[in-house]
Amino acid sequence: GTTGDPATPYEWSQAFADKMDNAVFVTWEGEGHTAYGR
């Protein structure tokens, strides 16, 4: 999840990970949409 993501707000990624049986959650404190590769 990216804290400044406009299109998929950060709280969505948090909720998505929380509801999964076996997920790990990684945060990027940045602006824009998505993190991996940016």
PDB file of all heavy atoms in Angstrom:
ATOM      1  N   GLY A   1       0.828  -1.202   0.000  1.00  0.00           N
ATOM      2  CA  GLY A   1       0.000   0.000   0.000  1.00  0.00           C
ATOM      3  C   GLY A   1       0.861   1.249   0.000  1.00  0.00           C
ATOM      4  O   GLY A   1       1.935   1.268   0.604  1.00  0.00           O
ATOM      5  N   THR A   2       0.389   2.304  -0.677  1.00  0.00           N
ATOM      6  CA  THR A   2       1.084   3.586  -0.734  1.00  0.00           C
ATOM      7  C   THR A   2       0.235   4.630  -0.023  1.00  0.00           C
ATOM      8  O   THR A   2      -0.956   4.777  -0.328  1.00  0.00           O
ATOM      9  CB  THR A   2       1.324   4.007  -2.195  1.00  0.00           C
ATOM     10  OG1 THR A   2       2.145   3.026  -2.836  1.00  0.00           O
ATOM     11  CG2 THR A   2       1.985   5.358  -2.293  1.00  0.00           C
ATOM     12  N   THR A   3       0.839   5.354   0.904  1.00  0.00           N
ATOM     13  CA  THR A   3       0.068   6.266   1.756  1.00  0.00           C
ATOM     14  C   THR A   3      -0.602   7.382   0.967  1.00  0.00           C
ATOM     15  O   THR A   3      -1.671   7.860   1.356  1.00  0.00           O
ATOM     16  CB  THR A   3       0.956   6.873   2.846  1.00  0.00           C
ATOM     17  OG1 THR A   3       2.092   7.526   2.240  1.00  0.00           O
ATOM     18  CG2 THR A   3       1.450   5.801   3.817  1.00  0.00           C
ATOM     19  N   GLY A   4       0.009   7.832  -0.141  1.00  0.00           N
ATOM     20  CA  GLY A   4      -0.567   8.910  -0.934  1.00  0.00           C
ATOM     21  C   GLY A   4      -1.196   8.443  -2.225  1.00  0.00           C
ATOM     22  O   GLY A   4      -1.280   9.211  -3.189  1.00  0.00           O
ATOM     23  N   ASP A   5      -1.667   7.210  -2.262  1.00  0.00           N
ATOM     24  CA  ASP A   5      -2.251   6.650  -3.481  1.00  0.00           C
ATOM     25  C   ASP A   5      -3.649   7.232  -3.697  1.00  0.00           C
ATOM     26  O   ASP A   5      -4.534   7.055  -2.866  1.00  0.00           O
ATOM     27  CB  ASP A   5      -2.330   5.127  -3.361  1.00  0.00           C
ATOM     28  CG  ASP A   5      -2.606   4.443  -4.698  1.00  0.00           C
ATOM     29  OD1 ASP A   5      -3.383   4.988  -5.503  1.00  0.00           O
ATOM     30  OD2 ASP A   5      -2.051   3.361  -4.931  1.00  0.00           O
ATOM     31  N   PRO A   6      -3.883   7.936  -4.832  1.00  0.00           N
ATOM     32  CA  PRO A   6      -5.208   8.519  -5.053  1.00  0.00           C
ATOM     33  C   PRO A   6      -6.246   7.532  -5.566  1.00  0.00           C
ATOM     34  O   PRO A   6      -7.438   7.659  -5.282  1.00  0.00           O
ATOM     35  CB  PRO A   6      -4.932   9.594  -6.113  1.00  0.00           C
ATOM     36  CG  PRO A   6      -3.776   9.066  -6.890  1.00  0.00           C
ATOM     37  CD  PRO A   6      -2.931   8.311  -5.892  1.00  0.00           C
ATOM     38  N   ALA A   7      -5.809   6.539  -6.342  1.00  0.00           N
ATOM     39  CA  ALA A   7      -6.748   5.657  -7.039  1.00  0.00           C
ATOM     40  C   ALA A   7      -7.144   4.451  -6.208  1.00  0.00           C
ATOM     41  O   ALA A   7      -8.289   3.984  -6.268  1.00  0.00           O
ATOM     42  CB  ALA A   7      -6.157   5.204  -8.367  1.00  0.00           C
ATOM     43  N   THR A   8      -6.202   3.906  -5.440  1.00  0.00           N
ATOM     44  CA  THR A   8      -6.497   2.801  -4.531  1.00  0.00           C
ATOM     45  C   THR A   8      -6.012   3.239  -3.146  1.00  0.00           C
ATOM     46  O   THR A   8      -4.858   2.985  -2.788  1.00  0.00           O
ATOM     47  CB  THR A   8      -5.808   1.496  -4.970  1.00  0.00           C
ATOM     48  OG1 THR A   8      -4.411   1.727  -5.177  1.00  0.00           O
ATOM     49  CG2 THR A   8      -6.417   0.978  -6.263  1.00  0.00           C
ATOM     50  N   PRO A   9      -6.864   3.908  -2.396  1.00  0.00           N
ATOM     51  CA  PRO A   9      -6.440   4.503  -1.125  1.00  0.00           C
ATOM     52  C   PRO A   9      -5.764   3.501  -0.193  1.00  0.00           C
ATOM     53  O   PRO A   9      -6.086   2.309  -0.191  1.00  0.00           O
ATOM     54  CB  PRO A   9      -7.757   5.024  -0.536  1.00  0.00           C
ATOM     55  CG  PRO A   9      -8.620   5.275  -1.736  1.00  0.00           C
ATOM     56  CD  PRO A   9      -8.262   4.201  -2.715  1.00  0.00           C
ATOM     57  N   TYR A  10      -4.840   4.009   0.583  1.00  0.00           N
ATOM     58  CA  TYR A  10      -4.008   3.183   1.454  1.00  0.00           C
ATOM     59  C   TYR A  10      -4.835   2.263   2.343  1.00  0.00           C
ATOM     60  O   TYR A  10      -4.485   1.098   2.555  1.00  0.00           O
ATOM     61  CB  TYR A  10      -3.129   4.102   2.306  1.00  0.00           C
ATOM     62  CG  TYR A  10      -2.220   3.407   3.280  1.00  0.00           C
ATOM     63  CD1 TYR A  10      -1.145   2.633   2.841  1.00  0.00           C
ATOM     64  CD2 TYR A  10      -2.416   3.539   4.655  1.00  0.00           C
ATOM     65  CE1 TYR A  10      -0.291   2.010   3.743  1.00  0.00           C
ATOM     66  CE2 TYR A  10      -1.570   2.919   5.568  1.00  0.00           C
ATOM     67  CZ  TYR A  10      -0.516   2.155   5.101  1.00  0.00           C
ATOM     68  OH  TYR A  10       0.329   1.535   5.999  1.00  0.00           O
ATOM     69  N   GLU A  11      -5.964   2.770   2.843  1.00  0.00           N
ATOM     70  CA  GLU A  11      -6.768   1.949   3.753  1.00  0.00           C
ATOM     71  C   GLU A  11      -7.347   0.724   3.051  1.00  0.00           C
ATOM     72  O   GLU A  11      -7.645  -0.288   3.698  1.00  0.00           O
ATOM     73  CB  GLU A  11      -7.888   2.772   4.385  1.00  0.00           C
ATOM     74  CG  GLU A  11      -8.905   3.370   3.427  1.00  0.00           C
ATOM     75  CD  GLU A  11      -8.557   4.779   2.982  1.00  0.00           C
ATOM     76  OE1 GLU A  11      -7.351   5.152   3.054  1.00  0.00           O
ATOM     77  OE2 GLU A  11      -9.474   5.506   2.539  1.00  0.00           O
ATOM     78  N   TRP A  12      -7.504   0.799   1.729  1.00  0.00           N
ATOM     79  CA  TRP A  12      -7.954  -0.381   0.985  1.00  0.00           C
ATOM     80  C   TRP A  12      -6.919  -1.495   1.071  1.00  0.00           C
ATOM     81  O   TRP A  12      -7.271  -2.655   1.307  1.00  0.00           O
ATOM     82  CB  TRP A  12      -8.184  -0.028  -0.479  1.00  0.00           C
ATOM     83  CG  TRP A  12      -9.445   0.712  -0.785  1.00  0.00           C
ATOM     84  CD1 TRP A  12     -10.378   1.165   0.109  1.00  0.00           C
ATOM     85  CD2 TRP A  12      -9.912   1.084  -2.080  1.00  0.00           C
ATOM     86  NE1 TRP A  12     -11.385   1.807  -0.552  1.00  0.00           N
ATOM     87  CE2 TRP A  12     -11.128   1.770  -1.900  1.00  0.00           C
ATOM     88  CE3 TRP A  12      -9.413   0.922  -3.364  1.00  0.00           C
ATOM     89  CZ2 TRP A  12     -11.860   2.282  -2.972  1.00  0.00           C
ATOM     90  CZ3 TRP A  12     -10.140   1.426  -4.439  1.00  0.00           C
ATOM     91  CH2 TRP A  12     -11.354   2.099  -4.240  1.00  0.00           C
ATOM     92  N   SER A  13      -5.659  -1.146   0.855  1.00  0.00           N
ATOM     93  CA  SER A  13      -4.606  -2.164   0.916  1.00  0.00           C
ATOM     94  C   SER A  13      -4.495  -2.752   2.315  1.00  0.00           C
ATOM     95  O   SER A  13      -4.297  -3.963   2.478  1.00  0.00           O
ATOM     96  CB  SER A  13      -3.258  -1.557   0.480  1.00  0.00           C
ATOM     97  OG  SER A  13      -3.278  -1.196  -0.884  1.00  0.00           O
ATOM     98  N   GLN A  14      -4.630  -1.904   3.320  1.00  0.00           N
ATOM     99  CA  GLN A  14      -4.610  -2.397   4.697  1.00  0.00           C
ATOM    100  C   GLN A  14      -5.732  -3.403   4.926  1.00  0.00           C
ATOM    101  O   GLN A  14      -5.512  -4.493   5.471  1.00  0.00           O
ATOM    102  CB  GLN A  14      -4.765  -1.238   5.675  1.00  0.00           C
ATOM    103  CG  GLN A  14      -3.560  -0.347   5.839  1.00  0.00           C
ATOM    104  CD  GLN A  14      -3.818   0.777   6.811  1.00  0.00           C
ATOM    105  OE1 GLN A  14      -4.746   1.570   6.646  1.00  0.00           O
ATOM    106  NE2 GLN A  14      -2.999   0.853   7.846  1.00  0.00           N
ATOM    107  N   ALA A  15      -6.937  -3.036   4.521  1.00  0.00           N
ATOM    108  CA  ALA A  15      -8.091  -3.912   4.722  1.00  0.00           C
ATOM    109  C   ALA A  15      -7.946  -5.206   3.933  1.00  0.00           C
ATOM    110  O   ALA A  15      -8.284  -6.298   4.416  1.00  0.00           O
ATOM    111  CB  ALA A  15      -9.375  -3.194   4.321  1.00  0.00           C
ATOM    112  N   PHE A  16      -7.449  -5.103   2.704  1.00  0.00           N
ATOM    113  CA  PHE A  16      -7.249  -6.270   1.846  1.00  0.00           C
ATOM    114  C   PHE A  16      -6.321  -7.263   2.538  1.00  0.00           C
ATOM    115  O   PHE A  16      -6.610  -8.463   2.622  1.00  0.00           O
ATOM    116  CB  PHE A  16      -6.652  -5.801   0.517  1.00  0.00           C
ATOM    117  CG  PHE A  16      -6.597  -6.830  -0.572  1.00  0.00           C
ATOM    118  CD1 PHE A  16      -7.504  -6.809  -1.614  1.00  0.00           C
ATOM    119  CD2 PHE A  16      -5.612  -7.813  -0.580  1.00  0.00           C
ATOM    120  CE1 PHE A  16      -7.443  -7.738  -2.641  1.00  0.00           C
ATOM    121  CE2 PHE A  16      -5.540  -8.753  -1.598  1.00  0.00           C
ATOM    122  CZ  PHE A  16      -6.462  -8.713  -2.628  1.00  0.00           C
ATOM    123  N   ALA A  17      -5.189  -6.771   3.048  1.00  0.00           N
ATOM    124  CA  ALA A  17      -4.214  -7.649   3.711  1.00  0.00           C
ATOM    125  C   ALA A  17      -4.772  -8.227   4.999  1.00  0.00           C
ATOM    126  O   ALA A  17      -4.570  -9.411   5.312  1.00  0.00           O
ATOM    127  CB  ALA A  17      -2.929  -6.875   3.981  1.00  0.00           C
ATOM    128  N   ASP A  18      -5.489  -7.416   5.764  1.00  0.00           N
ATOM    129  CA  ASP A  18      -6.035  -7.869   7.046  1.00  0.00           C
ATOM    130  C   ASP A  18      -6.997  -9.034   6.881  1.00  0.00           C
ATOM    131  O   ASP A  18      -7.077  -9.916   7.743  1.00  0.00           O
ATOM    132  CB  ASP A  18      -6.748  -6.717   7.759  1.00  0.00           C
ATOM    133  CG  ASP A  18      -5.787  -5.699   8.340  1.00  0.00           C
ATOM    134  OD1 ASP A  18      -4.587  -6.008   8.452  1.00  0.00           O
ATOM    135  OD2 ASP A  18      -6.233  -4.587   8.672  1.00  0.00           O
ATOM    136  N   LYS A  19      -7.733  -9.042   5.778  1.00  0.00           N
ATOM    137  CA  LYS A  19      -8.769 -10.055   5.583  1.00  0.00           C
ATOM    138  C   LYS A  19      -8.223 -11.361   5.009  1.00  0.00           C
ATOM    139  O   LYS A  19      -8.916 -12.382   5.043  1.00  0.00           O
ATOM    140  CB  LYS A  19      -9.864  -9.496   4.673  1.00  0.00           C
ATOM    141  CG  LYS A  19     -10.671  -8.373   5.333  1.00  0.00           C
ATOM    142  CD  LYS A  19     -11.459  -7.570   4.320  1.00  0.00           C
ATOM    143  CE  LYS A  19     -12.136  -6.376   4.982  1.00  0.00           C
ATOM    144  NZ  LYS A  19     -12.735  -5.440   3.998  1.00  0.00           N
ATOM    145  N   MET A  20      -7.001 -11.336   4.502  1.00  0.00           N
ATOM    146  CA  MET A  20      -6.432 -12.543   3.918  1.00  0.00           C
ATOM    147  C   MET A  20      -5.884 -13.451   5.009  1.00  0.00           C
ATOM    148  O   MET A  20      -5.431 -12.999   6.069  1.00  0.00           O
ATOM    149  CB  MET A  20      -5.336 -12.211   2.914  1.00  0.00           C
ATOM    150  CG  MET A  20      -5.829 -11.443   1.704  1.00  0.00           C
ATOM    151  SD  MET A  20      -4.705 -11.564   0.286  1.00  0.00           S
ATOM    152  CE  MET A  20      -5.397 -12.997  -0.544  1.00  0.00           C
ATOM    153  N   ASP A  21      -5.919 -14.732   4.740  1.00  0.00           N
ATOM    154  CA  ASP A  21      -5.477 -15.731   5.718  1.00  0.00           C
ATOM    155  C   ASP A  21      -3.976 -15.680   5.948  1.00  0.00           C
ATOM    156  O   ASP A  21      -3.503 -15.903   7.057  1.00  0.00           O
ATOM    157  CB  ASP A  21      -5.880 -17.128   5.218  1.00  0.00           C
ATOM    158  CG  ASP A  21      -5.508 -18.231   6.196  1.00  0.00           C
ATOM    159  OD1 ASP A  21      -5.861 -18.105   7.380  1.00  0.00           O
ATOM    160  OD2 ASP A  21      -4.858 -19.200   5.767  1.00  0.00           O
ATOM    161  N   ASN A  22      -3.208 -15.347   4.896  1.00  0.00           N
ATOM    162  CA  ASN A  22      -1.755 -15.460   5.012  1.00  0.00           C
ATOM    163  C   ASN A  22      -1.080 -14.390   4.169  1.00  0.00           C
ATOM    164  O   ASN A  22      -0.358 -14.685   3.227  1.00  0.00           O
ATOM    165  CB  ASN A  22      -1.302 -16.853   4.561  1.00  0.00           C
ATOM    166  CG  ASN A  22       0.105 -17.168   5.002  1.00  0.00           C
ATOM    167  OD1 ASN A  22       0.702 -16.458   5.808  1.00  0.00           O
ATOM    168  ND2 ASN A  22       0.663 -18.230   4.454  1.00  0.00           N
ATOM    169  N   ALA A  23      -1.329 -13.111   4.533  1.00  0.00           N
ATOM    170  CA  ALA A  23      -0.732 -11.999   3.802  1.00  0.00           C
ATOM    171  C   ALA A  23       0.244 -11.252   4.700  1.00  0.00           C
ATOM    172  O   ALA A  23       0.077 -11.202   5.919  1.00  0.00           O
ATOM    173  CB  ALA A  23      -1.809 -11.040   3.314  1.00  0.00           C
ATOM    174  N   VAL A  24       1.280 -10.688   4.083  1.00  0.00           N
ATOM    175  CA  VAL A  24       2.153  -9.736   4.765  1.00  0.00           C
ATOM    176  C   VAL A  24       1.935  -8.386   4.109  1.00  0.00           C
ATOM    177  O   VAL A  24       1.705  -8.297   2.895  1.00  0.00           O
ATOM    178  CB  VAL A  24       3.630 -10.152   4.717  1.00  0.00           C
ATOM    179  CG1 VAL A  24       3.831 -11.489   5.398  1.00  0.00           C
ATOM    180  CG2 VAL A  24       4.143 -10.213   3.288  1.00  0.00           C
ATOM    181  N   PHE A  25       2.002  -7.329   4.921  1.00  0.00           N
ATOM    182  CA  PHE A  25       1.670  -5.990   4.428  1.00  0.00           C
ATOM    183  C   PHE A  25       2.901  -5.103   4.450  1.00  0.00           C
ATOM    184  O   PHE A  25       3.601  -5.007   5.458  1.00  0.00           O
ATOM    185  CB  PHE A  25       0.566  -5.372   5.281  1.00  0.00           C
ATOM    186  CG  PHE A  25       0.057  -4.059   4.763  1.00  0.00           C
ATOM    187  CD1 PHE A  25      -0.392  -3.940   3.458  1.00  0.00           C
ATOM    188  CD2 PHE A  25       0.032  -2.929   5.584  1.00  0.00           C
ATOM    189  CE1 PHE A  25      -0.854  -2.732   2.974  1.00  0.00           C
ATOM    190  CE2 PHE A  25      -0.443  -1.720   5.105  1.00  0.00           C
ATOM    191  CZ  PHE A  25      -0.892  -1.618   3.796  1.00  0.00           C
ATOM    192  N   VAL A  26       3.145  -4.460   3.291  1.00  0.00           N
ATOM    193  CA  VAL A  26       4.297  -3.577   3.121  1.00  0.00           C
ATOM    194  C   VAL A  26       3.785  -2.187   2.769  1.00  0.00           C
ATOM    195  O   VAL A  26       2.884  -2.042   1.932  1.00  0.00           O
ATOM    196  CB  VAL A  26       5.221  -4.103   1.996  1.00  0.00           C
ATOM    197  CG1 VAL A  26       6.336  -3.116   1.711  1.00  0.00           C
ATOM    198  CG2 VAL A  26       5.780  -5.471   2.362  1.00  0.00           C
ATOM    199  N   THR A  27       4.347  -1.155   3.394  1.00  0.00           N
ATOM    200  CA  THR A  27       3.903   0.225   3.198  1.00  0.00           C
ATOM    201  C   THR A  27       4.989   1.058   2.543  1.00  0.00           C
ATOM    202  O   THR A  27       6.161   0.995   2.931  1.00  0.00           O
ATOM    203  CB  THR A  27       3.536   0.868   4.542  1.00  0.00           C
ATOM    204  OG1 THR A  27       2.408   0.198   5.099  1.00  0.00           O
ATOM    205  CG2 THR A  27       3.192   2.353   4.374  1.00  0.00           C
ATOM    206  N   TRP A  28       4.580   1.868   1.554  1.00  0.00           N
ATOM    207  CA  TRP A  28       5.466   2.908   1.021  1.00  0.00           C
ATOM    208  C   TRP A  28       4.857   4.257   1.364  1.00  0.00           C
ATOM    209  O   TRP A  28       3.718   4.546   0.994  1.00  0.00           O
ATOM    210  CB  TRP A  28       5.633   2.789  -0.494  1.00  0.00           C
ATOM    211  CG  TRP A  28       6.564   3.831  -1.054  1.00  0.00           C
ATOM    212  CD1 TRP A  28       7.732   4.266  -0.497  1.00  0.00           C
ATOM    213  CD2 TRP A  28       6.401   4.572  -2.270  1.00  0.00           C
ATOM    214  NE1 TRP A  28       8.324   5.233  -1.289  1.00  0.00           N
ATOM    215  CE2 TRP A  28       7.528   5.433  -2.388  1.00  0.00           C
ATOM    216  CE3 TRP A  28       5.438   4.587  -3.273  1.00  0.00           C
ATOM    217  CZ2 TRP A  28       7.692   6.301  -3.467  1.00  0.00           C
ATOM    218  CZ3 TRP A  28       5.604   5.448  -4.350  1.00  0.00           C
ATOM    219  CH2 TRP A  28       6.721   6.288  -4.443  1.00  0.00           C
ATOM    220  N   GLU A  29       5.605   5.074   2.098  1.00  0.00           N
ATOM    221  CA  GLU A  29       5.183   6.438   2.400  1.00  0.00           C
ATOM    222  C   GLU A  29       5.593   7.320   1.226  1.00  0.00           C
ATOM    223  O   GLU A  29       6.685   7.871   1.180  1.00  0.00           O
ATOM    224  CB  GLU A  29       5.817   6.919   3.703  1.00  0.00           C
ATOM    225  CG  GLU A  29       5.332   6.166   4.926  1.00  0.00           C
ATOM    226  CD  GLU A  29       5.880   6.746   6.216  1.00  0.00           C
ATOM    227  OE1 GLU A  29       6.404   7.883   6.191  1.00  0.00           O
ATOM    228  OE2 GLU A  29       5.795   6.059   7.258  1.00  0.00           O
ATOM    229  N   GLY A  30       4.712   7.408   0.246  1.00  0.00           N
ATOM    230  CA  GLY A  30       5.006   8.160  -0.969  1.00  0.00           C
ATOM    231  C   GLY A  30       3.734   8.648  -1.626  1.00  0.00           C
ATOM    232  O   GLY A  30       2.619   8.399  -1.144  1.00  0.00           O
ATOM    233  N   GLU A  31       3.881   9.357  -2.730  1.00  0.00           N
ATOM    234  CA  GLU A  31       2.758   9.894  -3.489  1.00  0.00           C
ATOM    235  C   GLU A  31       2.599   9.123  -4.794  1.00  0.00           C
ATOM    236  O   GLU A  31       3.577   8.651  -5.380  1.00  0.00           O
ATOM    237  CB  GLU A  31       2.974  11.380  -3.795  1.00  0.00           C
ATOM    238  CG  GLU A  31       3.068  12.275  -2.569  1.00  0.00           C
ATOM    239  CD  GLU A  31       1.787  12.357  -1.780  1.00  0.00           C
ATOM    240  OE1 GLU A  31       0.697  12.116  -2.365  1.00  0.00           O
ATOM    241  OE2 GLU A  31       1.856  12.653  -0.561  1.00  0.00           O
ATOM    242  N   GLY A  32       1.367   9.016  -5.247  1.00  0.00           N
ATOM    243  CA  GLY A  32       1.096   8.373  -6.523  1.00  0.00           C
ATOM    244  C   GLY A  32       0.542   6.972  -6.359  1.00  0.00           C
ATOM    245  O   GLY A  32       0.352   6.467  -5.249  1.00  0.00           O
ATOM    246  N   HIS A  33       0.275   6.349  -7.488  1.00  0.00           N
ATOM    247  CA  HIS A  33      -0.445   5.086  -7.550  1.00  0.00           C
ATOM    248  C   HIS A  33       0.532   3.921  -7.622  1.00  0.00           C
ATOM    249  O   HIS A  33       1.277   3.795  -8.599  1.00  0.00           O
ATOM    250  CB  HIS A  33      -1.354   5.104  -8.780  1.00  0.00           C
ATOM    251  CG  HIS A  33      -2.272   3.930  -8.894  1.00  0.00           C
ATOM    252  ND1 HIS A  33      -2.838   3.298  -7.804  1.00  0.00           N
ATOM    253  CD2 HIS A  33      -2.732   3.262  -9.989  1.00  0.00           C
ATOM    254  CE1 HIS A  33      -3.606   2.310  -8.224  1.00  0.00           C
ATOM    255  NE2 HIS A  33      -3.555   2.264  -9.545  1.00  0.00           N
ATOM    256  N   THR A  34       0.548   3.074  -6.599  1.00  0.00           N
ATOM    257  CA  THR A  34       1.354   1.859  -6.458  1.00  0.00           C
ATOM    258  C   THR A  34       2.812   2.185  -6.157  1.00  0.00           C
ATOM    259  O   THR A  34       3.246   3.340  -6.260  1.00  0.00           O
ATOM    260  CB  THR A  34       1.258   0.924  -7.691  1.00  0.00           C
ATOM    261  OG1 THR A  34       1.972   1.481  -8.784  1.00  0.00           O
ATOM    262  CG2 THR A  34      -0.201   0.692  -8.072  1.00  0.00           C
ATOM    263  N   ALA A  35       3.574   1.133  -5.789  1.00  0.00           N
ATOM    264  CA  ALA A  35       4.934   1.351  -5.298  1.00  0.00           C
ATOM    265  C   ALA A  35       5.993   0.508  -6.006  1.00  0.00           C
ATOM    266  O   ALA A  35       7.066   1.021  -6.337  1.00  0.00           O
ATOM    267  CB  ALA A  35       4.985   1.053  -3.795  1.00  0.00           C
ATOM    268  N   TYR A  36       5.741  -0.770  -6.212  1.00  0.00           N
ATOM    269  CA  TYR A  36       6.758  -1.686  -6.738  1.00  0.00           C
ATOM    270  C   TYR A  36       7.188  -1.236  -8.125  1.00  0.00           C
ATOM    271  O   TYR A  36       6.371  -1.163  -9.044  1.00  0.00           O
ATOM    272  CB  TYR A  36       6.182  -3.098  -6.780  1.00  0.00           C
ATOM    273  CG  TYR A  36       7.165  -4.209  -7.090  1.00  0.00           C
ATOM    274  CD1 TYR A  36       8.488  -4.156  -6.678  1.00  0.00           C
ATOM    275  CD2 TYR A  36       6.748  -5.341  -7.778  1.00  0.00           C
ATOM    276  CE1 TYR A  36       9.377  -5.181  -6.945  1.00  0.00           C
ATOM    277  CE2 TYR A  36       7.617  -6.392  -8.055  1.00  0.00           C
ATOM    278  CZ  TYR A  36       8.929  -6.302  -7.642  1.00  0.00           C
ATOM    279  OH  TYR A  36       9.804  -7.334  -7.906  1.00  0.00           O
ATOM    280  N   GLY A  37       8.466  -0.917  -8.273  1.00  0.00           N
ATOM    281  CA  GLY A  37       8.974  -0.381  -9.520  1.00  0.00           C
ATOM    282  C   GLY A  37       9.052   1.127  -9.531  1.00  0.00           C
ATOM    283  O   GLY A  37       9.740   1.709 -10.374  1.00  0.00           O
ATOM    284  N   ARG A  38       8.360   1.811  -8.581  1.00  0.00           N
ATOM    285  CA  ARG A  38       8.405   3.270  -8.475  1.00  0.00           C
ATOM    286  C   ARG A  38       9.184   3.707  -7.251  1.00  0.00           C
ATOM    287  O   ARG A  38       9.859   4.737  -7.273  1.00  0.00           O
ATOM    288  CB  ARG A  38       6.992   3.849  -8.398  1.00  0.00           C
ATOM    289  CG  ARG A  38       6.139   3.674  -9.637  1.00  0.00           C
ATOM    290  CD  ARG A  38       4.778   4.343  -9.457  1.00  0.00           C
ATOM    291  NE  ARG A  38       4.927   5.769  -9.214  1.00  0.00           N
ATOM    292  CZ  ARG A  38       4.487   6.392  -8.140  1.00  0.00           C
ATOM    293  NH1 ARG A  38       3.868   5.716  -7.180  1.00  0.00           N
ATOM    294  NH2 ARG A  38       4.652   7.685  -8.002  1.00  0.00           N
TER     295      ARG A  38
END
